[in-house]
Amino acid sequence: MAWQPLFRTSSPMSMAAPRPTRRWNLHSLAALVVIVLFTALILLGASKGMTARYPVTGSIVFDGRPVTGAVATFHERQSLAPVARGTTDATGRFRVISRGIWPGIEPGDYFVTISIQKPEIRGEDYVFGADLASKQFSDVRQTPLRVQVTSGAIDLGRLEFASQPSLSIERSSGQWLMSDQ
């Protein structure tokens, strides 16, 4: 005797559960319209508050070698609040990012601090060691580095640090203003 199915159906889909039909009622349509309008208003409002940002780049070198992971932080001159930062890549270059996501920085007068932390392995943990940049450059209240951003792209050039406290700045199109605050 040959094998035969227990149930005979006209199509394989007839065993599937029936699909519910969705009808748009007035409440569903109104909710969709409100969501779309709310999203549009948020996006429109966010774009109105945006001001121009200008790209700022540079490089950091320590003892003659490019530094990976060094951080240049830009602080508003009046409040000393950090508003932008750039982290160096494997070539020592950084690009400034504002508020965590926006490329560039708004026009203004900024103090710049530099942090060069050498990674260390302690036991099984990967941690950052002491800051290799002298306190003069890593403390916003002591840093002599000041940048004025007005318009256009700015290349701050190459900041060279050494094991012995010193700093050499090789300028490109940078606008460094050395100050005693």
N, C-alpha and C. Protein backbone atom coordinates (compact mmCIF):
# COMPACT_ATOMS: atom_id res chain seq x y z
N MET A 1 0.83 -1.16 0.00
CA MET A 1 0.00 0.00 0.00
C MET A 1 0.89 1.24 0.00
N ALA A 2 0.60 2.21 -0.80
CA ALA A 2 1.38 3.43 -0.93
C ALA A 2 0.99 4.43 0.16
N TRP A 3 1.95 5.28 0.48
CA TRP A 3 1.71 6.30 1.50
C TRP A 3 0.77 7.36 0.96
N GLN A 4 -0.18 7.81 1.79
CA GLN A 4 -1.12 8.86 1.41
C GLN A 4 -1.29 9.80 2.59
N PRO A 5 -1.47 11.10 2.31
CA PRO A 5 -1.68 12.04 3.41
C PRO A 5 -3.00 11.74 4.12
N LEU A 6 -3.04 12.08 5.41
CA LEU A 6 -4.26 11.86 6.18
C LEU A 6 -5.38 12.80 5.75
N PHE A 7 -4.98 14.04 5.41
CA PHE A 7 -5.99 15.02 5.00
C PHE A 7 -5.70 15.44 3.58
N ARG A 8 -6.72 15.59 2.82
CA ARG A 8 -6.55 16.09 1.46
C ARG A 8 -6.97 17.56 1.44
N THR A 9 -6.09 18.37 0.87
CA THR A 9 -6.41 19.80 0.75
C THR A 9 -6.24 20.20 -0.69
N SER A 10 -6.90 21.26 -1.03
CA SER A 10 -6.79 21.73 -2.40
C SER A 10 -5.52 22.54 -2.61
N SER A 11 -5.00 23.19 -1.54
CA SER A 11 -3.75 23.94 -1.66
C SER A 11 -3.03 23.91 -0.32
N PRO A 12 -1.73 24.12 -0.34
CA PRO A 12 -0.98 24.08 0.91
C PRO A 12 -1.36 25.23 1.85
N MET A 13 -1.86 26.33 1.33
CA MET A 13 -2.19 27.48 2.15
C MET A 13 -3.50 27.32 2.92
N SER A 14 -4.30 26.36 2.56
CA SER A 14 -5.60 26.24 3.21
C SER A 14 -5.46 25.80 4.66
N MET A 15 -4.32 25.25 5.05
CA MET A 15 -4.11 24.83 6.43
C MET A 15 -3.65 26.00 7.31
N ALA A 16 -3.18 27.09 6.71
CA ALA A 16 -2.68 28.22 7.46
C ALA A 16 -3.83 28.94 8.16
N ALA A 17 -3.49 29.58 9.27
CA ALA A 17 -4.51 30.33 10.01
C ALA A 17 -4.96 31.52 9.19
N PRO A 18 -6.20 31.91 9.31
CA PRO A 18 -6.67 33.06 8.54
C PRO A 18 -5.97 34.33 9.01
N ARG A 19 -5.65 35.21 8.08
CA ARG A 19 -5.00 36.47 8.38
C ARG A 19 -6.04 37.51 8.76
N PRO A 20 -5.78 38.23 9.83
CA PRO A 20 -6.75 39.27 10.17
C PRO A 20 -6.61 40.43 9.19
N THR A 21 -7.68 41.01 8.85
CA THR A 21 -7.64 42.18 7.97
C THR A 21 -7.56 43.42 8.84
N ARG A 22 -6.76 44.37 8.41
CA ARG A 22 -6.61 45.60 9.19
C ARG A 22 -7.30 46.71 8.45
N ARG A 23 -8.19 47.32 9.12
CA ARG A 23 -8.91 48.43 8.52
C ARG A 23 -8.49 49.70 9.24
N TRP A 24 -8.23 50.71 8.45
CA TRP A 24 -7.86 51.99 9.02
C TRP A 24 -9.14 52.68 9.48
N ASN A 25 -9.21 52.91 10.77
CA ASN A 25 -10.35 53.67 11.25
C ASN A 25 -9.90 55.11 11.49
N LEU A 26 -10.78 55.94 11.89
CA LEU A 26 -10.50 57.36 12.06
C LEU A 26 -9.44 57.58 13.14
N HIS A 27 -9.46 56.80 14.21
CA HIS A 27 -8.48 56.97 15.28
C HIS A 27 -7.07 56.60 14.82
N SER A 28 -6.93 55.53 14.07
CA SER A 28 -5.62 55.12 13.58
C SER A 28 -5.04 56.16 12.63
N LEU A 29 -5.87 56.68 11.76
CA LEU A 29 -5.42 57.69 10.81
C LEU A 29 -5.03 58.98 11.53
N ALA A 30 -5.80 59.39 12.52
CA ALA A 30 -5.48 60.60 13.29
C ALA A 30 -4.16 60.42 14.04
N ALA A 31 -3.93 59.25 14.62
CA ALA A 31 -2.69 58.99 15.34
C ALA A 31 -1.49 59.05 14.40
N LEU A 32 -1.63 58.51 13.21
CA LEU A 32 -0.56 58.55 12.22
C LEU A 32 -0.24 59.99 11.82
N VAL A 33 -1.26 60.79 11.59
CA VAL A 33 -1.06 62.20 11.22
C VAL A 33 -0.34 62.95 12.34
N VAL A 34 -0.73 62.72 13.58
CA VAL A 34 -0.09 63.39 14.72
C VAL A 34 1.38 63.00 14.82
N ILE A 35 1.69 61.73 14.63
CA ILE A 35 3.09 61.27 14.71
C ILE A 35 3.93 61.90 13.60
N VAL A 36 3.41 61.95 12.40
CA VAL A 36 4.14 62.56 11.28
C VAL A 36 4.37 64.04 11.53
N LEU A 37 3.35 64.77 11.96
CA LEU A 37 3.50 66.21 12.23
C LEU A 37 4.48 66.46 13.37
N PHE A 38 4.40 65.68 14.43
CA PHE A 38 5.30 65.83 15.57
C PHE A 38 6.75 65.62 15.14
N THR A 39 7.00 64.59 14.36
CA THR A 39 8.35 64.32 13.86
C THR A 39 8.85 65.46 12.98
N ALA A 40 8.01 65.97 12.11
CA ALA A 40 8.40 67.08 11.24
C ALA A 40 8.73 68.33 12.05
N LEU A 41 7.95 68.63 13.09
CA LEU A 41 8.21 69.80 13.92
C LEU A 41 9.52 69.67 14.69
N ILE A 42 9.81 68.48 15.18
CA ILE A 42 11.07 68.26 15.89
C ILE A 42 12.25 68.47 14.96
N LEU A 43 12.18 67.90 13.76
CA LEU A 43 13.29 68.05 12.81
C LEU A 43 13.45 69.49 12.37
N LEU A 44 12.36 70.20 12.16
CA LEU A 44 12.42 71.60 11.75
C LEU A 44 13.00 72.45 12.87
N GLY A 45 12.57 72.21 14.09
CA GLY A 45 13.07 72.98 15.23
C GLY A 45 14.54 72.73 15.47
N ALA A 46 14.98 71.50 15.31
CA ALA A 46 16.40 71.18 15.53
C ALA A 46 17.28 71.84 14.49
N SER A 47 16.80 71.94 13.27
CA SER A 47 17.64 72.53 12.22
C SER A 47 17.73 74.04 12.36
N LYS A 48 16.71 74.70 12.94
CA LYS A 48 16.75 76.15 13.10
C LYS A 48 17.80 76.57 14.12
N GLY A 49 18.04 75.75 15.15
CA GLY A 49 18.98 76.10 16.19
C GLY A 49 20.42 75.85 15.82
N MET A 50 20.69 75.29 14.67
CA MET A 50 22.05 74.96 14.29
C MET A 50 22.78 76.19 13.78
N THR A 51 24.02 76.33 14.19
CA THR A 51 24.85 77.41 13.69
C THR A 51 25.98 76.79 12.87
N ALA A 52 26.69 77.66 12.19
CA ALA A 52 27.79 77.18 11.34
C ALA A 52 28.89 76.57 12.20
N ARG A 53 29.46 75.51 11.71
CA ARG A 53 30.61 74.88 12.35
C ARG A 53 31.71 74.77 11.30
N TYR A 54 32.93 75.00 11.73
CA TYR A 54 34.05 74.97 10.81
C TYR A 54 35.00 73.84 11.19
N PRO A 55 35.51 73.13 10.17
CA PRO A 55 36.42 72.01 10.46
C PRO A 55 37.74 72.50 11.05
N VAL A 56 38.16 71.82 12.10
CA VAL A 56 39.44 72.12 12.74
C VAL A 56 40.21 70.80 12.82
N THR A 57 41.44 70.81 12.34
CA THR A 57 42.28 69.62 12.35
C THR A 57 43.65 69.97 12.91
N GLY A 58 44.44 68.97 13.19
CA GLY A 58 45.79 69.17 13.67
C GLY A 58 46.43 67.81 13.90
N SER A 59 47.63 67.81 14.44
CA SER A 59 48.29 66.55 14.78
C SER A 59 49.08 66.71 16.07
N ILE A 60 49.26 65.60 16.77
CA ILE A 60 50.00 65.60 18.03
C ILE A 60 51.10 64.56 17.94
N VAL A 61 52.31 64.99 18.30
CA VAL A 61 53.49 64.14 18.26
C VAL A 61 54.13 64.15 19.65
N PHE A 62 54.56 62.99 20.13
CA PHE A 62 55.24 62.90 21.42
C PHE A 62 56.57 62.20 21.22
N ASP A 63 57.64 62.85 21.65
CA ASP A 63 59.00 62.33 21.47
C ASP A 63 59.27 61.94 20.02
N GLY A 64 58.81 62.76 19.10
CA GLY A 64 59.09 62.56 17.68
C GLY A 64 58.20 61.56 16.97
N ARG A 65 57.25 60.95 17.70
CA ARG A 65 56.38 59.95 17.08
C ARG A 65 54.92 60.38 17.16
N PRO A 66 54.13 60.04 16.13
CA PRO A 66 52.69 60.33 16.20
C PRO A 66 52.06 59.57 17.37
N VAL A 67 51.10 60.20 18.02
CA VAL A 67 50.44 59.61 19.18
C VAL A 67 49.04 59.16 18.80
N THR A 68 48.71 57.91 19.09
CA THR A 68 47.35 57.41 18.89
C THR A 68 46.56 57.60 20.18
N GLY A 69 45.37 58.18 20.08
CA GLY A 69 44.50 58.32 21.24
C GLY A 69 44.70 59.56 22.08
N ALA A 70 45.59 60.46 21.66
CA ALA A 70 45.73 61.73 22.38
C ALA A 70 44.47 62.56 22.12
N VAL A 71 44.11 63.41 23.08
CA VAL A 71 42.87 64.17 22.97
C VAL A 71 43.16 65.66 23.07
N ALA A 72 42.66 66.41 22.09
CA ALA A 72 42.68 67.88 22.14
C ALA A 72 41.26 68.32 22.47
N THR A 73 41.08 68.97 23.62
CA THR A 73 39.76 69.40 24.06
C THR A 73 39.67 70.92 23.96
N PHE A 74 38.59 71.39 23.37
CA PHE A 74 38.36 72.82 23.19
C PHE A 74 37.35 73.29 24.23
N HIS A 75 37.76 74.32 25.03
CA HIS A 75 36.93 74.84 26.12
C HIS A 75 36.52 76.27 25.78
N GLU A 76 35.25 76.62 26.02
CA GLU A 76 34.83 78.00 25.81
C GLU A 76 35.66 78.90 26.71
N ARG A 77 36.08 80.03 26.19
CA ARG A 77 36.98 80.89 26.94
C ARG A 77 36.31 81.48 28.18
N GLN A 78 35.03 81.84 28.07
CA GLN A 78 34.35 82.47 29.20
C GLN A 78 34.03 81.47 30.31
N SER A 79 33.40 80.37 29.96
CA SER A 79 32.92 79.42 30.97
C SER A 79 33.91 78.29 31.27
N LEU A 80 34.89 78.13 30.43
CA LEU A 80 35.86 77.03 30.49
C LEU A 80 35.22 75.66 30.29
N ALA A 81 33.97 75.65 29.83
CA ALA A 81 33.27 74.39 29.59
C ALA A 81 33.81 73.72 28.33
N PRO A 82 34.04 72.40 28.39
CA PRO A 82 34.49 71.70 27.18
C PRO A 82 33.33 71.58 26.18
N VAL A 83 33.57 71.99 24.93
CA VAL A 83 32.50 71.97 23.93
C VAL A 83 32.84 71.12 22.71
N ALA A 84 34.11 70.80 22.54
CA ALA A 84 34.50 70.01 21.37
C ALA A 84 35.81 69.29 21.70
N ARG A 85 36.05 68.22 20.93
CA ARG A 85 37.30 67.50 21.13
C ARG A 85 37.68 66.75 19.88
N GLY A 86 38.95 66.45 19.79
CA GLY A 86 39.46 65.65 18.69
C GLY A 86 40.39 64.60 19.26
N THR A 87 40.25 63.37 18.80
CA THR A 87 41.10 62.27 19.25
C THR A 87 41.99 61.84 18.09
N THR A 88 43.27 61.68 18.36
CA THR A 88 44.21 61.37 17.29
C THR A 88 44.08 59.92 16.82
N ASP A 89 44.34 59.75 15.53
CA ASP A 89 44.34 58.40 14.94
C ASP A 89 45.78 57.87 14.94
N ALA A 90 46.04 56.80 14.22
CA ALA A 90 47.36 56.17 14.21
C ALA A 90 48.44 57.08 13.62
N THR A 91 48.05 58.07 12.82
CA THR A 91 49.03 58.99 12.23
C THR A 91 49.22 60.24 13.09
N GLY A 92 48.52 60.32 14.23
CA GLY A 92 48.63 61.48 15.10
C GLY A 92 47.68 62.61 14.74
N ARG A 93 46.87 62.44 13.69
CA ARG A 93 45.96 63.50 13.23
C ARG A 93 44.65 63.45 14.01
N PHE A 94 44.06 64.63 14.24
CA PHE A 94 42.74 64.70 14.85
C PHE A 94 41.84 65.64 14.06
N ARG A 95 40.54 65.37 14.16
CA ARG A 95 39.49 66.24 13.61
C ARG A 95 38.58 66.57 14.78
N VAL A 96 38.21 67.83 14.92
CA VAL A 96 37.39 68.25 16.05
C VAL A 96 35.93 67.90 15.81
N ILE A 97 35.31 67.35 16.85
CA ILE A 97 33.89 66.99 16.86
C ILE A 97 33.23 67.77 18.00
N SER A 98 32.12 68.46 17.70
CA SER A 98 31.40 69.22 18.73
C SER A 98 30.24 68.42 19.28
N ARG A 99 30.03 68.55 20.57
CA ARG A 99 28.89 67.94 21.25
C ARG A 99 28.75 66.44 20.95
N GLY A 100 29.87 65.80 20.68
CA GLY A 100 29.88 64.36 20.50
C GLY A 100 29.55 63.85 19.11
N ILE A 101 28.87 64.66 18.28
CA ILE A 101 28.46 64.14 16.97
C ILE A 101 28.69 65.07 15.79
N TRP A 102 28.78 66.37 16.04
CA TRP A 102 28.85 67.33 14.93
C TRP A 102 30.29 67.60 14.52
N PRO A 103 30.63 67.40 13.25
CA PRO A 103 31.99 67.72 12.79
C PRO A 103 32.22 69.23 12.84
N GLY A 104 33.40 69.62 13.28
CA GLY A 104 33.75 71.03 13.32
C GLY A 104 33.38 71.68 14.64
N ILE A 105 33.57 73.00 14.68
CA ILE A 105 33.32 73.77 15.90
C ILE A 105 32.72 75.12 15.52
N GLU A 106 31.89 75.65 16.40
CA GLU A 106 31.26 76.95 16.15
C GLU A 106 32.29 78.06 16.30
N PRO A 107 32.07 79.19 15.63
CA PRO A 107 32.99 80.31 15.79
C PRO A 107 33.07 80.73 17.26
N GLY A 108 34.27 81.10 17.68
CA GLY A 108 34.45 81.54 19.06
C GLY A 108 35.90 81.49 19.47
N ASP A 109 36.12 81.82 20.73
CA ASP A 109 37.46 81.87 21.31
C ASP A 109 37.57 80.70 22.29
N TYR A 110 38.58 79.87 22.13
CA TYR A 110 38.68 78.63 22.91
C TYR A 110 40.07 78.45 23.51
N PHE A 111 40.09 77.90 24.72
CA PHE A 111 41.31 77.37 25.29
C PHE A 111 41.39 75.91 24.86
N VAL A 112 42.60 75.42 24.62
CA VAL A 112 42.78 74.04 24.18
C VAL A 112 43.65 73.31 25.20
N THR A 113 43.15 72.17 25.65
CA THR A 113 43.96 71.31 26.53
C THR A 113 44.33 70.05 25.76
N ILE A 114 45.48 69.50 26.12
CA ILE A 114 45.98 68.29 25.46
C ILE A 114 46.17 67.21 26.52
N SER A 115 45.67 66.02 26.21
CA SER A 115 45.85 64.88 27.10
C SER A 115 46.49 63.74 26.30
N ILE A 116 47.64 63.29 26.78
CA ILE A 116 48.35 62.18 26.14
C ILE A 116 48.53 61.11 27.21
N GLN A 117 47.66 60.13 27.20
CA GLN A 117 47.74 59.08 28.21
C GLN A 117 48.24 57.79 27.59
N LYS A 118 49.32 57.29 28.14
CA LYS A 118 49.91 56.05 27.63
C LYS A 118 49.13 54.86 28.18
N PRO A 119 48.64 53.98 27.30
CA PRO A 119 47.92 52.81 27.79
C PRO A 119 48.85 51.84 28.51
N GLU A 120 48.34 51.26 29.57
CA GLU A 120 49.11 50.29 30.35
C GLU A 120 48.25 49.06 30.60
N ILE A 121 48.91 47.94 30.83
CA ILE A 121 48.20 46.72 31.20
C ILE A 121 48.53 46.44 32.65
N ARG A 122 47.49 46.43 33.49
CA ARG A 122 47.66 46.12 34.91
C ARG A 122 46.88 44.85 35.20
N GLY A 123 47.62 43.78 35.41
CA GLY A 123 46.96 42.49 35.60
C GLY A 123 46.27 42.10 34.31
N GLU A 124 44.96 41.96 34.36
CA GLU A 124 44.19 41.63 33.17
C GLU A 124 43.46 42.85 32.61
N ASP A 125 43.69 44.01 33.24
CA ASP A 125 42.97 45.22 32.83
C ASP A 125 43.82 46.10 31.93
N TYR A 126 43.16 46.72 30.99
CA TYR A 126 43.78 47.69 30.09
C TYR A 126 43.37 49.06 30.61
N VAL A 127 44.31 49.85 31.10
CA VAL A 127 44.00 51.14 31.71
C VAL A 127 44.89 52.22 31.11
N PHE A 128 44.50 53.47 31.35
CA PHE A 128 45.33 54.58 30.92
C PHE A 128 46.20 55.02 32.08
N GLY A 129 47.45 55.26 31.80
CA GLY A 129 48.40 55.69 32.82
C GLY A 129 48.37 57.19 33.01
N ALA A 130 49.45 57.70 33.56
CA ALA A 130 49.56 59.13 33.83
C ALA A 130 49.55 59.92 32.53
N ASP A 131 49.11 61.16 32.62
CA ASP A 131 49.08 62.04 31.45
C ASP A 131 50.50 62.47 31.12
N LEU A 132 50.93 62.22 29.89
CA LEU A 132 52.30 62.55 29.48
C LEU A 132 52.46 64.02 29.12
N ALA A 133 51.36 64.69 28.80
CA ALA A 133 51.44 66.13 28.55
C ALA A 133 51.57 66.81 29.91
N SER A 134 52.40 67.82 29.99
CA SER A 134 52.57 68.48 31.28
C SER A 134 51.27 69.14 31.71
N LYS A 135 51.14 69.34 33.02
CA LYS A 135 49.92 69.94 33.57
C LYS A 135 49.64 71.30 32.93
N GLN A 136 50.68 71.96 32.49
CA GLN A 136 50.52 73.26 31.84
C GLN A 136 49.60 73.14 30.62
N PHE A 137 49.62 72.01 29.92
CA PHE A 137 48.81 71.85 28.72
C PHE A 137 47.56 71.00 28.94
N SER A 138 47.50 70.28 30.06
CA SER A 138 46.34 69.43 30.30
C SER A 138 45.31 70.05 31.24
N ASP A 139 45.65 71.16 31.87
CA ASP A 139 44.73 71.85 32.79
C ASP A 139 44.20 73.11 32.11
N VAL A 140 42.88 73.22 32.02
CA VAL A 140 42.27 74.35 31.31
C VAL A 140 42.61 75.69 31.97
N ARG A 141 42.88 75.69 33.27
CA ARG A 141 43.20 76.95 33.95
C ARG A 141 44.66 77.37 33.75
N GLN A 142 45.48 76.47 33.23
CA GLN A 142 46.90 76.78 33.03
C GLN A 142 47.33 76.82 31.57
N THR A 143 46.56 76.24 30.68
CA THR A 143 47.02 76.10 29.30
C THR A 143 47.25 77.45 28.62
N PRO A 144 48.37 77.58 27.94
CA PRO A 144 48.61 78.81 27.18
C PRO A 144 48.03 78.72 25.76
N LEU A 145 47.48 77.55 25.41
CA LEU A 145 46.97 77.35 24.05
C LEU A 145 45.58 77.95 23.91
N ARG A 146 45.46 78.85 22.97
CA ARG A 146 44.17 79.50 22.71
C ARG A 146 43.97 79.55 21.21
N VAL A 147 42.75 79.25 20.77
CA VAL A 147 42.42 79.26 19.34
C VAL A 147 41.20 80.13 19.14
N GLN A 148 41.25 80.93 18.09
CA GLN A 148 40.10 81.74 17.72
C GLN A 148 39.58 81.19 16.40
N VAL A 149 38.33 80.72 16.41
CA VAL A 149 37.70 80.18 15.21
C VAL A 149 36.78 81.26 14.66
N THR A 150 37.02 81.66 13.42
CA THR A 150 36.18 82.69 12.81
C THR A 150 35.39 82.12 11.65
N SER A 151 36.07 81.66 10.64
CA SER A 151 35.37 81.05 9.50
C SER A 151 36.36 80.20 8.71
N GLY A 152 35.82 79.29 7.96
CA GLY A 152 36.66 78.45 7.10
C GLY A 152 37.37 77.35 7.87
N ALA A 153 37.97 76.46 7.11
CA ALA A 153 38.70 75.33 7.69
C ALA A 153 39.98 75.81 8.35
N ILE A 154 40.32 75.21 9.47
CA ILE A 154 41.53 75.59 10.20
C ILE A 154 42.37 74.34 10.43
N ASP A 155 43.64 74.41 10.05
CA ASP A 155 44.59 73.35 10.37
C ASP A 155 45.53 73.92 11.41
N LEU A 156 45.49 73.37 12.61
CA LEU A 156 46.30 73.89 13.71
C LEU A 156 47.75 73.43 13.63
N GLY A 157 48.07 72.65 12.63
CA GLY A 157 49.44 72.22 12.45
C GLY A 157 49.82 71.07 13.37
N ARG A 158 51.09 71.01 13.68
CA ARG A 158 51.64 69.88 14.43
C ARG A 158 52.09 70.35 15.81
N LEU A 159 51.51 69.75 16.85
CA LEU A 159 51.91 70.03 18.22
C LEU A 159 52.90 68.96 18.65
N GLU A 160 54.12 69.36 18.97
CA GLU A 160 55.14 68.38 19.36
C GLU A 160 55.43 68.49 20.84
N PHE A 161 55.23 67.40 21.54
CA PHE A 161 55.54 67.33 22.97
C PHE A 161 56.73 66.40 23.15
N ALA A 162 57.44 66.58 24.27
CA ALA A 162 58.60 65.74 24.56
C ALA A 162 58.54 65.28 26.01
N SER A 163 59.31 64.25 26.33
CA SER A 163 59.36 63.75 27.70
C SER A 163 59.76 64.86 28.66
N GLN A 164 60.69 65.69 28.23
CA GLN A 164 61.05 66.86 29.01
C GLN A 164 60.02 67.94 28.69
N PRO A 165 59.48 68.63 29.70
CA PRO A 165 58.42 69.61 29.44
C PRO A 165 58.83 70.66 28.41
N SER A 166 58.20 70.58 27.26
CA SER A 166 58.40 71.58 26.21
C SER A 166 57.30 71.40 25.19
N LEU A 167 57.17 72.37 24.33
CA LEU A 167 56.16 72.30 23.27
C LEU A 167 56.70 73.03 22.06
N SER A 168 56.51 72.42 20.92
CA SER A 168 56.87 73.05 19.66
C SER A 168 55.63 73.00 18.78
N ILE A 169 55.28 74.12 18.19
CA ILE A 169 54.12 74.16 17.29
C ILE A 169 54.60 74.49 15.90
N GLU A 170 54.35 73.58 14.98
CA GLU A 170 54.65 73.81 13.57
C GLU A 170 53.33 74.22 12.93
N ARG A 171 53.21 75.48 12.53
CA ARG A 171 51.93 75.99 12.06
C ARG A 171 51.70 75.69 10.60
N SER A 172 50.45 75.38 10.31
CA SER A 172 50.00 75.29 8.92
C SER A 172 49.16 76.53 8.70
N SER A 173 47.84 76.34 8.70
CA SER A 173 46.97 77.51 8.59
C SER A 173 46.34 77.80 9.94
N GLY A 174 46.98 77.30 11.02
CA GLY A 174 46.42 77.43 12.36
C GLY A 174 46.34 78.86 12.84
N GLN A 175 45.51 79.06 13.83
CA GLN A 175 45.33 80.39 14.40
C GLN A 175 45.60 80.33 15.90
N TRP A 176 46.78 79.80 16.27
CA TRP A 176 47.12 79.71 17.68
C TRP A 176 47.36 81.10 18.24
N LEU A 177 46.84 81.35 19.40
CA LEU A 177 47.09 82.59 20.12
C LEU A 177 47.64 82.18 21.48
N MET A 178 48.93 82.26 21.66
CA MET A 178 49.51 81.88 22.94
C MET A 178 49.17 82.98 23.94
N SER A 179 48.64 82.58 25.09
CA SER A 179 48.23 83.60 26.06
C SER A 179 48.52 83.13 27.46
N ASP A 180 48.50 84.07 28.36
CA ASP A 180 48.64 83.74 29.77
C ASP A 180 47.28 83.86 30.45
N GLN A 181 46.23 83.78 29.67
CA GLN A 181 44.84 83.84 30.08
C GLN A 181 44.56 85.22 30.55
